[in-house]
Amino acid sequence: GEELAQAALGDLAMVWSEALQSASPAALAWNLLRSRIAARSSCS
């Protein structure tokens, strides 16, 4: 949990200026977290 939360927030840092221009930076950040979970999850 700590590893993937940190990684997702790191992903957000890479697109922070785009996130601020998006309709919802929170939704973008949540989708980055979901992507990290999906990539690590053993059950598709």
ModelCIF file with pLDDT and N, C-alpha, C, O atoms, coordinates in Angstrom:
data_MODEL
#
_entry.id   MODEL 
#
_entity.id                         1 
_entity.type                       polymer 
_entity.pdbx_number_of_molecules   1 
#
_entity_poly.entity_id                      1 
_entity_poly.type                           'polypeptide(L)' 
_entity_poly.nstd_linkage                   no 
_entity_poly.nstd_monomer                   no 
_entity_poly.pdbx_seq_one_letter_code       GEELAQAALGDLAMVWSEALQSASPAALAWNLLRSRIAARSSCS 
_entity_poly.pdbx_seq_one_letter_code_can   GEELAQAALGDLAMVWSEALQSASPAALAWNLLRSRIAARSSCS 
_entity_poly.pdbx_strand_id                 A 
#
loop_
_entity_poly_seq.entity_id 
_entity_poly_seq.num 
_entity_poly_seq.mon_id 
_entity_poly_seq.hetero 
1 1  GLY n 
1 2  GLU n 
1 3  GLU n 
1 4  LEU n 
1 5  ALA n 
1 6  GLN n 
1 7  ALA n 
1 8  ALA n 
1 9  LEU n 
1 10 GLY n 
1 11 ASP n 
1 12 LEU n 
1 13 ALA n 
1 14 MET n 
1 15 VAL n 
1 16 TRP n 
1 17 SER n 
1 18 GLU n 
1 19 ALA n 
1 20 LEU n 
1 21 GLN n 
1 22 SER n 
1 23 ALA n 
1 24 SER n 
1 25 PRO n 
1 26 ALA n 
1 27 ALA n 
1 28 LEU n 
1 29 ALA n 
1 30 TRP n 
1 31 ASN n 
1 32 LEU n 
1 33 LEU n 
1 34 ARG n 
1 35 SER n 
1 36 ARG n 
1 37 ILE n 
1 38 ALA n 
1 39 ALA n 
1 40 ARG n 
1 41 SER n 
1 42 SER n 
1 43 CYS n 
1 44 SER n 
#
_struct_asym.id          A 
_struct_asym.entity_id   1 
#
loop_
_ma_qa_metric.id 
_ma_qa_metric.mode 
_ma_qa_metric.name 
_ma_qa_metric.software_group_id 
_ma_qa_metric.type 
1 global pLDDT . pLDDT 
2 local  pLDDT . pLDDT 
#
_ma_qa_metric_global.metric_id      1 
_ma_qa_metric_global.metric_value   92.09 
_ma_qa_metric_global.model_id       1 
_ma_qa_metric_global.ordinal_id     1 
#
loop_
_ma_qa_metric_local.label_asym_id 
_ma_qa_metric_local.label_comp_id 
_ma_qa_metric_local.label_seq_id 
_ma_qa_metric_local.metric_id 
_ma_qa_metric_local.metric_value 
_ma_qa_metric_local.model_id 
_ma_qa_metric_local.ordinal_id 
A GLY 1  2 95.00 1 1  
A GLU 2  2 97.00 1 2  
A GLU 3  2 97.00 1 3  
A LEU 4  2 97.00 1 4  
A ALA 5  2 97.00 1 5  
A GLN 6  2 97.00 1 6  
A ALA 7  2 97.00 1 7  
A ALA 8  2 97.00 1 8  
A LEU 9  2 97.00 1 9  
A GLY 10 2 95.00 1 10 
A ASP 11 2 97.00 1 11 
A LEU 12 2 97.00 1 12 
A ALA 13 2 95.00 1 13 
A MET 14 2 94.00 1 14 
A VAL 15 2 95.00 1 15 
A TRP 16 2 94.00 1 16 
A SER 17 2 90.00 1 17 
A GLU 18 2 93.00 1 18 
A ALA 19 2 93.00 1 19 
A LEU 20 2 92.00 1 20 
A GLN 21 2 94.00 1 21 
A SER 22 2 93.00 1 22 
A ALA 23 2 93.00 1 23 
A SER 24 2 95.00 1 24 
A PRO 25 2 96.00 1 25 
A ALA 26 2 96.00 1 26 
A ALA 27 2 96.00 1 27 
A LEU 28 2 97.00 1 28 
A ALA 29 2 97.00 1 29 
A TRP 30 2 98.00 1 30 
A ASN 31 2 97.00 1 31 
A LEU 32 2 97.00 1 32 
A LEU 33 2 98.00 1 33 
A ARG 34 2 96.00 1 34 
A SER 35 2 95.00 1 35 
A ARG 36 2 96.00 1 36 
A ILE 37 2 95.00 1 37 
A ALA 38 2 92.00 1 38 
A ALA 39 2 91.00 1 39 
A ARG 40 2 87.00 1 40 
A SER 41 2 79.00 1 41 
A SER 42 2 66.00 1 42 
A CYS 43 2 55.00 1 43 
A SER 44 2 47.00 1 44 
#
loop_
_atom_site.group_PDB 
_atom_site.id 
_atom_site.type_symbol 
_atom_site.label_atom_id 
_atom_site.label_alt_id 
_atom_site.label_comp_id 
_atom_site.label_asym_id 
_atom_site.label_entity_id 
_atom_site.label_seq_id 
_atom_site.pdbx_PDB_ins_code 
_atom_site.Cartn_x 
_atom_site.Cartn_y 
_atom_site.Cartn_z 
_atom_site.occupancy 
_atom_site.B_iso_or_equiv 
_atom_site.pdbx_formal_charge 
_atom_site.auth_seq_id 
_atom_site.auth_comp_id 
_atom_site.auth_asym_id 
_atom_site.auth_atom_id 
_atom_site.pdbx_PDB_model_num 
ATOM 1   N N  . GLY A 1 1  ? 0.821   -1.207  0.000   1.00 95.00 ? 1  GLY A N  1 
ATOM 2   C CA . GLY A 1 1  ? 0.000   0.000   0.000   1.00 95.00 ? 1  GLY A CA 1 
ATOM 3   C C  . GLY A 1 1  ? 0.849   1.248   0.000   1.00 95.00 ? 1  GLY A C  1 
ATOM 4   O O  . GLY A 1 1  ? 0.595   2.179   -0.764  1.00 95.00 ? 1  GLY A O  1 
ATOM 5   N N  . GLU A 1 2  ? 1.868   1.274   0.862   1.00 97.00 ? 2  GLU A N  1 
ATOM 6   C CA . GLU A 1 2  ? 2.762   2.429   0.927   1.00 97.00 ? 2  GLU A CA 1 
ATOM 7   C C  . GLU A 1 2  ? 3.509   2.606   -0.387  1.00 97.00 ? 2  GLU A C  1 
ATOM 8   O O  . GLU A 1 2  ? 3.650   3.721   -0.889  1.00 97.00 ? 2  GLU A O  1 
ATOM 9   N N  . GLU A 1 3  ? 3.983   1.500   -0.934  1.00 97.00 ? 3  GLU A N  1 
ATOM 10  C CA . GLU A 1 3  ? 4.753   1.552   -2.183  1.00 97.00 ? 3  GLU A CA 1 
ATOM 11  C C  . GLU A 1 3  ? 3.910   2.077   -3.345  1.00 97.00 ? 3  GLU A C  1 
ATOM 12  O O  . GLU A 1 3  ? 4.345   2.960   -4.084  1.00 97.00 ? 3  GLU A O  1 
ATOM 13  N N  . LEU A 1 4  ? 2.702   1.530   -3.502  1.00 97.00 ? 4  LEU A N  1 
ATOM 14  C CA . LEU A 1 4  ? 1.872   1.929   -4.642  1.00 97.00 ? 4  LEU A CA 1 
ATOM 15  C C  . LEU A 1 4  ? 1.289   3.326   -4.470  1.00 97.00 ? 4  LEU A C  1 
ATOM 16  O O  . LEU A 1 4  ? 1.136   4.050   -5.454  1.00 97.00 ? 4  LEU A O  1 
ATOM 17  N N  . ALA A 1 5  ? 0.960   3.719   -3.243  1.00 97.00 ? 5  ALA A N  1 
ATOM 18  C CA . ALA A 1 5  ? 0.482   5.083   -3.009  1.00 97.00 ? 5  ALA A CA 1 
ATOM 19  C C  . ALA A 1 5  ? 1.569   6.079   -3.380  1.00 97.00 ? 5  ALA A C  1 
ATOM 20  O O  . ALA A 1 5  ? 1.306   7.074   -4.054  1.00 97.00 ? 5  ALA A O  1 
ATOM 21  N N  . GLN A 1 6  ? 2.781   5.809   -2.940  1.00 97.00 ? 6  GLN A N  1 
ATOM 22  C CA . GLN A 1 6  ? 3.909   6.700   -3.267  1.00 97.00 ? 6  GLN A CA 1 
ATOM 23  C C  . GLN A 1 6  ? 4.149   6.735   -4.770  1.00 97.00 ? 6  GLN A C  1 
ATOM 24  O O  . GLN A 1 6  ? 4.391   7.801   -5.336  1.00 97.00 ? 6  GLN A O  1 
ATOM 25  N N  . ALA A 1 7  ? 4.084   5.575   -5.418  1.00 97.00 ? 7  ALA A N  1 
ATOM 26  C CA . ALA A 1 7  ? 4.314   5.513   -6.874  1.00 97.00 ? 7  ALA A CA 1 
ATOM 27  C C  . ALA A 1 7  ? 3.238   6.285   -7.632  1.00 97.00 ? 7  ALA A C  1 
ATOM 28  O O  . ALA A 1 7  ? 3.544   7.009   -8.580  1.00 97.00 ? 7  ALA A O  1 
ATOM 29  N N  . ALA A 1 8  ? 1.984   6.135   -7.221  1.00 97.00 ? 8  ALA A N  1 
ATOM 30  C CA . ALA A 1 8  ? 0.893   6.839   -7.906  1.00 97.00 ? 8  ALA A CA 1 
ATOM 31  C C  . ALA A 1 8  ? 1.031   8.352   -7.730  1.00 97.00 ? 8  ALA A C  1 
ATOM 32  O O  . ALA A 1 8  ? 0.793   9.113   -8.667  1.00 97.00 ? 8  ALA A O  1 
ATOM 33  N N  . LEU A 1 9  ? 1.414   8.781   -6.536  1.00 97.00 ? 9  LEU A N  1 
ATOM 34  C CA . LEU A 1 9  ? 1.613   10.220  -6.326  1.00 97.00 ? 9  LEU A CA 1 
ATOM 35  C C  . LEU A 1 9  ? 2.835   10.711  -7.087  1.00 97.00 ? 9  LEU A C  1 
ATOM 36  O O  . LEU A 1 9  ? 2.875   11.865  -7.512  1.00 97.00 ? 9  LEU A O  1 
ATOM 37  N N  . GLY A 1 10 ? 3.825   9.857   -7.263  1.00 95.00 ? 10 GLY A N  1 
ATOM 38  C CA . GLY A 1 10 ? 4.964   10.193  -8.119  1.00 95.00 ? 10 GLY A CA 1 
ATOM 39  C C  . GLY A 1 10 ? 4.532   10.338  -9.570  1.00 95.00 ? 10 GLY A C  1 
ATOM 40  O O  . GLY A 1 10 ? 4.988   11.237  -10.276 1.00 95.00 ? 10 GLY A O  1 
ATOM 41  N N  . ASP A 1 11 ? 3.637   9.435   -10.014 1.00 97.00 ? 11 ASP A N  1 
ATOM 42  C CA . ASP A 1 11 ? 3.088   9.551   -11.366 1.00 97.00 ? 11 ASP A CA 1 
ATOM 43  C C  . ASP A 1 11 ? 2.359   10.882  -11.527 1.00 97.00 ? 11 ASP A C  1 
ATOM 44  O O  . ASP A 1 11 ? 2.463   11.544  -12.559 1.00 97.00 ? 11 ASP A O  1 
ATOM 45  N N  . LEU A 1 12 ? 1.620   11.259  -10.482 1.00 97.00 ? 12 LEU A N  1 
ATOM 46  C CA . LEU A 1 12 ? 0.895   12.532  -10.510 1.00 97.00 ? 12 LEU A CA 1 
ATOM 47  C C  . LEU A 1 12 ? 1.867   13.706  -10.628 1.00 97.00 ? 12 LEU A C  1 
ATOM 48  O O  . LEU A 1 12 ? 1.596   14.669  -11.345 1.00 97.00 ? 12 LEU A O  1 
ATOM 49  N N  . ALA A 1 13 ? 2.987   13.626  -9.930  1.00 95.00 ? 13 ALA A N  1 
ATOM 50  C CA . ALA A 1 13 ? 3.979   14.700  -9.996  1.00 95.00 ? 13 ALA A CA 1 
ATOM 51  C C  . ALA A 1 13 ? 4.438   14.919  -11.436 1.00 95.00 ? 13 ALA A C  1 
ATOM 52  O O  . ALA A 1 13 ? 4.686   16.048  -11.859 1.00 95.00 ? 13 ALA A O  1 
ATOM 53  N N  . MET A 1 14 ? 4.545   13.831  -12.172 1.00 94.00 ? 14 MET A N  1 
ATOM 54  C CA . MET A 1 14 ? 5.011   13.918  -13.558 1.00 94.00 ? 14 MET A CA 1 
ATOM 55  C C  . MET A 1 14 ? 4.022   14.645  -14.470 1.00 94.00 ? 14 MET A C  1 
ATOM 56  O O  . MET A 1 14 ? 4.411   15.195  -15.500 1.00 94.00 ? 14 MET A O  1 
ATOM 57  N N  . VAL A 1 15 ? 2.743   14.646  -14.089 1.00 95.00 ? 15 VAL A N  1 
ATOM 58  C CA . VAL A 1 15 ? 1.709   15.275  -14.919 1.00 95.00 ? 15 VAL A CA 1 
ATOM 59  C C  . VAL A 1 15 ? 0.965   16.377  -14.149 1.00 95.00 ? 15 VAL A C  1 
ATOM 60  O O  . VAL A 1 15 ? -0.165  16.725  -14.490 1.00 95.00 ? 15 VAL A O  1 
ATOM 61  N N  . TRP A 1 16 ? 1.612   16.919  -13.108 1.00 94.00 ? 16 TRP A N  1 
ATOM 62  C CA . TRP A 1 16 ? 0.944   17.871  -12.226 1.00 94.00 ? 16 TRP A CA 1 
ATOM 63  C C  . TRP A 1 16 ? 0.355   19.066  -12.971 1.00 94.00 ? 16 TRP A C  1 
ATOM 64  O O  . TRP A 1 16 ? -0.783  19.453  -12.706 1.00 94.00 ? 16 TRP A O  1 
ATOM 65  N N  . SER A 1 17 ? 1.101   19.650  -13.885 1.00 90.00 ? 17 SER A N  1 
ATOM 66  C CA . SER A 1 17 ? 0.568   20.827  -14.590 1.00 90.00 ? 17 SER A CA 1 
ATOM 67  C C  . SER A 1 17 ? -0.651  20.445  -15.428 1.00 90.00 ? 17 SER A C  1 
ATOM 68  O O  . SER A 1 17 ? -1.597  21.226  -15.528 1.00 90.00 ? 17 SER A O  1 
ATOM 69  N N  . GLU A 1 18 ? -0.640  19.268  -16.024 1.00 93.00 ? 18 GLU A N  1 
ATOM 70  C CA . GLU A 1 18 ? -1.815  18.788  -16.774 1.00 93.00 ? 18 GLU A CA 1 
ATOM 71  C C  . GLU A 1 18 ? -2.981  18.508  -15.831 1.00 93.00 ? 18 GLU A C  1 
ATOM 72  O O  . GLU A 1 18 ? -4.134  18.792  -16.154 1.00 93.00 ? 18 GLU A O  1 
ATOM 73  N N  . ALA A 1 19 ? -2.670  17.950  -14.664 1.00 93.00 ? 19 ALA A N  1 
ATOM 74  C CA . ALA A 1 19 ? -3.722  17.643  -13.684 1.00 93.00 ? 19 ALA A CA 1 
ATOM 75  C C  . ALA A 1 19 ? -4.456  18.910  -13.274 1.00 93.00 ? 19 ALA A C  1 
ATOM 76  O O  . ALA A 1 19 ? -5.680  18.915  -13.136 1.00 93.00 ? 19 ALA A O  1 
ATOM 77  N N  . LEU A 1 20 ? -3.699  19.983  -13.081 1.00 92.00 ? 20 LEU A N  1 
ATOM 78  C CA . LEU A 1 20 ? -4.321  21.245  -12.673 1.00 92.00 ? 20 LEU A CA 1 
ATOM 79  C C  . LEU A 1 20 ? -5.242  21.813  -13.741 1.00 92.00 ? 20 LEU A C  1 
ATOM 80  O O  . LEU A 1 20 ? -6.162  22.571  -13.433 1.00 92.00 ? 20 LEU A O  1 
ATOM 81  N N  . GLN A 1 21 ? -5.002  21.455  -14.977 1.00 94.00 ? 21 GLN A N  1 
ATOM 82  C CA . GLN A 1 21 ? -5.841  21.931  -16.072 1.00 94.00 ? 21 GLN A CA 1 
ATOM 83  C C  . GLN A 1 21 ? -6.989  20.974  -16.384 1.00 94.00 ? 21 GLN A C  1 
ATOM 84  O O  . GLN A 1 21 ? -7.856  21.292  -17.198 1.00 94.00 ? 21 GLN A O  1 
ATOM 85  N N  . SER A 1 22 ? -7.000  19.818  -15.749 1.00 93.00 ? 22 SER A N  1 
ATOM 86  C CA . SER A 1 22 ? -8.046  18.829  -16.007 1.00 93.00 ? 22 SER A CA 1 
ATOM 87  C C  . SER A 1 22 ? -9.322  19.205  -15.260 1.00 93.00 ? 22 SER A C  1 
ATOM 88  O O  . SER A 1 22 ? -9.318  20.067  -14.381 1.00 93.00 ? 22 SER A O  1 
ATOM 89  N N  . ALA A 1 23 ? -10.401 18.546  -15.626 1.00 93.00 ? 23 ALA A N  1 
ATOM 90  C CA . ALA A 1 23 ? -11.685 18.788  -14.957 1.00 93.00 ? 23 ALA A CA 1 
ATOM 91  C C  . ALA A 1 23 ? -11.622 18.405  -13.477 1.00 93.00 ? 23 ALA A C  1 
ATOM 92  O O  . ALA A 1 23 ? -12.281 19.023  -12.642 1.00 93.00 ? 23 ALA A O  1 
ATOM 93  N N  . SER A 1 24 ? -10.818 17.374  -13.157 1.00 95.00 ? 24 SER A N  1 
ATOM 94  C CA . SER A 1 24 ? -10.723 16.924  -11.776 1.00 95.00 ? 24 SER A CA 1 
ATOM 95  C C  . SER A 1 24 ? -9.354  16.308  -11.498 1.00 95.00 ? 24 SER A C  1 
ATOM 96  O O  . SER A 1 24 ? -9.117  15.147  -11.833 1.00 95.00 ? 24 SER A O  1 
ATOM 97  N N  . PRO A 1 25 ? -8.452  17.079  -10.888 1.00 96.00 ? 25 PRO A N  1 
ATOM 98  C CA . PRO A 1 25 ? -7.157  16.510  -10.522 1.00 96.00 ? 25 PRO A CA 1 
ATOM 99  C C  . PRO A 1 25 ? -7.293  15.285  -9.608  1.00 96.00 ? 25 PRO A C  1 
ATOM 100 O O  . PRO A 1 25 ? -6.497  14.350  -9.697  1.00 96.00 ? 25 PRO A O  1 
ATOM 101 N N  . ALA A 1 26 ? -8.302  15.294  -8.733  1.00 96.00 ? 26 ALA A N  1 
ATOM 102 C CA . ALA A 1 26 ? -8.513  14.161  -7.832  1.00 96.00 ? 26 ALA A CA 1 
ATOM 103 C C  . ALA A 1 26 ? -8.869  12.900  -8.612  1.00 96.00 ? 26 ALA A C  1 
ATOM 104 O O  . ALA A 1 26 ? -8.371  11.817  -8.305  1.00 96.00 ? 26 ALA A O  1 
ATOM 105 N N  . ALA A 1 27 ? -9.725  13.036  -9.611  1.00 96.00 ? 27 ALA A N  1 
ATOM 106 C CA . ALA A 1 27 ? -10.104 11.871  -10.427 1.00 96.00 ? 27 ALA A CA 1 
ATOM 107 C C  . ALA A 1 27 ? -8.893  11.348  -11.198 1.00 96.00 ? 27 ALA A C  1 
ATOM 108 O O  . ALA A 1 27 ? -8.707  10.137  -11.318 1.00 96.00 ? 27 ALA A O  1 
ATOM 109 N N  . LEU A 1 28 ? -8.082  12.247  -11.712 1.00 97.00 ? 28 LEU A N  1 
ATOM 110 C CA . LEU A 1 28 ? -6.870  11.839  -12.412 1.00 97.00 ? 28 LEU A CA 1 
ATOM 111 C C  . LEU A 1 28 ? -5.934  11.089  -11.468 1.00 97.00 ? 28 LEU A C  1 
ATOM 112 O O  . LEU A 1 28 ? -5.397  10.041  -11.828 1.00 97.00 ? 28 LEU A O  1 
ATOM 113 N N  . ALA A 1 29 ? -5.739  11.617  -10.271 1.00 97.00 ? 29 ALA A N  1 
ATOM 114 C CA . ALA A 1 29 ? -4.875  10.963  -9.289  1.00 97.00 ? 29 ALA A CA 1 
ATOM 115 C C  . ALA A 1 29 ? -5.424  9.586   -8.914  1.00 97.00 ? 29 ALA A C  1 
ATOM 116 O O  . ALA A 1 29 ? -4.664  8.627   -8.786  1.00 97.00 ? 29 ALA A O  1 
ATOM 117 N N  . TRP A 1 30 ? -6.738  9.491   -8.740  1.00 98.00 ? 30 TRP A N  1 
ATOM 118 C CA . TRP A 1 30 ? -7.349  8.206   -8.395  1.00 98.00 ? 30 TRP A CA 1 
ATOM 119 C C  . TRP A 1 30 ? -7.135  7.196   -9.522  1.00 98.00 ? 30 TRP A C  1 
ATOM 120 O O  . TRP A 1 30 ? -6.856  6.027   -9.255  1.00 98.00 ? 30 TRP A O  1 
ATOM 121 N N  . ASN A 1 31 ? -7.260  7.621   -10.745 1.00 97.00 ? 31 ASN A N  1 
ATOM 122 C CA . ASN A 1 31 ? -7.040  6.717   -11.882 1.00 97.00 ? 31 ASN A CA 1 
ATOM 123 C C  . ASN A 1 31 ? -5.580  6.262   -11.955 1.00 97.00 ? 31 ASN A C  1 
ATOM 124 O O  . ASN A 1 31 ? -5.307  5.130   -12.354 1.00 97.00 ? 31 ASN A O  1 
ATOM 125 N N  . LEU A 1 32 ? -4.657  7.121   -11.580 1.00 97.00 ? 32 LEU A N  1 
ATOM 126 C CA . LEU A 1 32 ? -3.249  6.721   -11.527 1.00 97.00 ? 32 LEU A CA 1 
ATOM 127 C C  . LEU A 1 32 ? -3.045  5.648   -10.462 1.00 97.00 ? 32 LEU A C  1 
ATOM 128 O O  . LEU A 1 32 ? -2.292  4.697   -10.668 1.00 97.00 ? 32 LEU A O  1 
ATOM 129 N N  . LEU A 1 33 ? -3.719  5.804   -9.321  1.00 98.00 ? 33 LEU A N  1 
ATOM 130 C CA . LEU A 1 33 ? -3.638  4.795   -8.261  1.00 98.00 ? 33 LEU A CA 1 
ATOM 131 C C  . LEU A 1 33 ? -4.239  3.477   -8.744  1.00 98.00 ? 33 LEU A C  1 
ATOM 132 O O  . LEU A 1 33 ? -3.652  2.414   -8.540  1.00 98.00 ? 33 LEU A O  1 
ATOM 133 N N  . ARG A 1 34 ? -5.397  3.544   -9.377  1.00 96.00 ? 34 ARG A N  1 
ATOM 134 C CA . ARG A 1 34 ? -6.028  2.340   -9.929  1.00 96.00 ? 34 ARG A CA 1 
ATOM 135 C C  . ARG A 1 34 ? -5.103  1.623   -10.910 1.00 96.00 ? 34 ARG A C  1 
ATOM 136 O O  . ARG A 1 34 ? -5.008  0.395   -10.899 1.00 96.00 ? 34 ARG A O  1 
ATOM 137 N N  . SER A 1 35 ? -4.429  2.389   -11.752 1.00 95.00 ? 35 SER A N  1 
ATOM 138 C CA . SER A 1 35 ? -3.512  1.801   -12.730 1.00 95.00 ? 35 SER A CA 1 
ATOM 139 C C  . SER A 1 35 ? -2.371  1.077   -12.032 1.00 95.00 ? 35 SER A C  1 
ATOM 140 O O  . SER A 1 35 ? -1.977  -0.010  -12.453 1.00 95.00 ? 35 SER A O  1 
ATOM 141 N N  . ARG A 1 36 ? -1.849  1.660   -10.988 1.00 96.00 ? 36 ARG A N  1 
ATOM 142 C CA . ARG A 1 36 ? -0.778  1.018   -10.222 1.00 96.00 ? 36 ARG A CA 1 
ATOM 143 C C  . ARG A 1 36 ? -1.264  -0.284  -9.590  1.00 96.00 ? 36 ARG A C  1 
ATOM 144 O O  . ARG A 1 36 ? -0.540  -1.279  -9.576  1.00 96.00 ? 36 ARG A O  1 
ATOM 145 N N  . ILE A 1 37 ? -2.488  -0.274  -9.068  1.00 95.00 ? 37 ILE A N  1 
ATOM 146 C CA . ILE A 1 37 ? -3.049  -1.486  -8.460  1.00 95.00 ? 37 ILE A CA 1 
ATOM 147 C C  . ILE A 1 37 ? -3.247  -2.558  -9.525  1.00 95.00 ? 37 ILE A C  1 
ATOM 148 O O  . ILE A 1 37 ? -2.884  -3.716  -9.320  1.00 95.00 ? 37 ILE A O  1 
ATOM 149 N N  . ALA A 1 38 ? -3.814  -2.177  -10.642 1.00 92.00 ? 38 ALA A N  1 
ATOM 150 C CA . ALA A 1 38 ? -4.070  -3.141  -11.723 1.00 92.00 ? 38 ALA A CA 1 
ATOM 151 C C  . ALA A 1 38 ? -2.773  -3.774  -12.211 1.00 92.00 ? 38 ALA A C  1 
ATOM 152 O O  . ALA A 1 38 ? -2.730  -4.970  -12.499 1.00 92.00 ? 38 ALA A O  1 
ATOM 153 N N  . ALA A 1 39 ? -1.725  -2.977  -12.301 1.00 91.00 ? 39 ALA A N  1 
ATOM 154 C CA . ALA A 1 39 ? -0.441  -3.498  -12.770 1.00 91.00 ? 39 ALA A CA 1 
ATOM 155 C C  . ALA A 1 39 ? 0.172   -4.475  -11.767 1.00 91.00 ? 39 ALA A C  1 
ATOM 156 O O  . ALA A 1 39 ? 0.938   -5.355  -12.158 1.00 91.00 ? 39 ALA A O  1 
ATOM 157 N N  . ARG A 1 40 ? -0.151  -4.333  -10.487 1.00 87.00 ? 40 ARG A N  1 
ATOM 158 C CA . ARG A 1 40 ? 0.440   -5.169  -9.445  1.00 87.00 ? 40 ARG A CA 1 
ATOM 159 C C  . ARG A 1 40 ? -0.464  -6.318  -9.008  1.00 87.00 ? 40 ARG A C  1 
ATOM 160 O O  . ARG A 1 40 ? -0.004  -7.281  -8.395  1.00 87.00 ? 40 ARG A O  1 
ATOM 161 N N  . SER A 1 41 ? -1.751  -6.209  -9.328  1.00 79.00 ? 41 SER A N  1 
ATOM 162 C CA . SER A 1 41 ? -2.712  -7.220  -8.877  1.00 79.00 ? 41 SER A CA 1 
ATOM 163 C C  . SER A 1 41 ? -2.491  -8.543  -9.593  1.00 79.00 ? 41 SER A C  1 
ATOM 164 O O  . SER A 1 41 ? -2.263  -8.583  -10.802 1.00 79.00 ? 41 SER A O  1 
ATOM 165 N N  . SER A 1 42 ? -2.561  -9.617  -8.831  1.00 66.00 ? 42 SER A N  1 
ATOM 166 C CA . SER A 1 42 ? -2.356  -10.948 -9.408  1.00 66.00 ? 42 SER A CA 1 
ATOM 167 C C  . SER A 1 42 ? -3.631  -11.514 -10.029 1.00 66.00 ? 42 SER A C  1 
ATOM 168 O O  . SER A 1 42 ? -3.586  -12.521 -10.735 1.00 66.00 ? 42 SER A O  1 
ATOM 169 N N  . CYS A 1 43 ? -4.744  -10.880 -9.772  1.00 55.00 ? 43 CYS A N  1 
ATOM 170 C CA . CYS A 1 43 ? -6.020  -11.376 -10.303 1.00 55.00 ? 43 CYS A CA 1 
ATOM 171 C C  . CYS A 1 43 ? -6.604  -10.330 -11.244 1.00 55.00 ? 43 CYS A C  1 
ATOM 172 O O  . CYS A 1 43 ? -6.978  -9.243  -10.804 1.00 55.00 ? 43 CYS A O  1 
ATOM 173 N N  . SER A 1 44 ? -6.685  -10.638 -12.504 1.00 47.00 ? 44 SER A N  1 
ATOM 174 C CA . SER A 1 44 ? -7.110  -9.644  -13.497 1.00 47.00 ? 44 SER A CA 1 
ATOM 175 C C  . SER A 1 44 ? -8.551  -9.178  -13.287 1.00 47.00 ? 44 SER A C  1 
ATOM 176 O O  . SER A 1 44 ? -9.047  -8.344  -14.044 1.00 47.00 ? 44 SER A O  1 
#
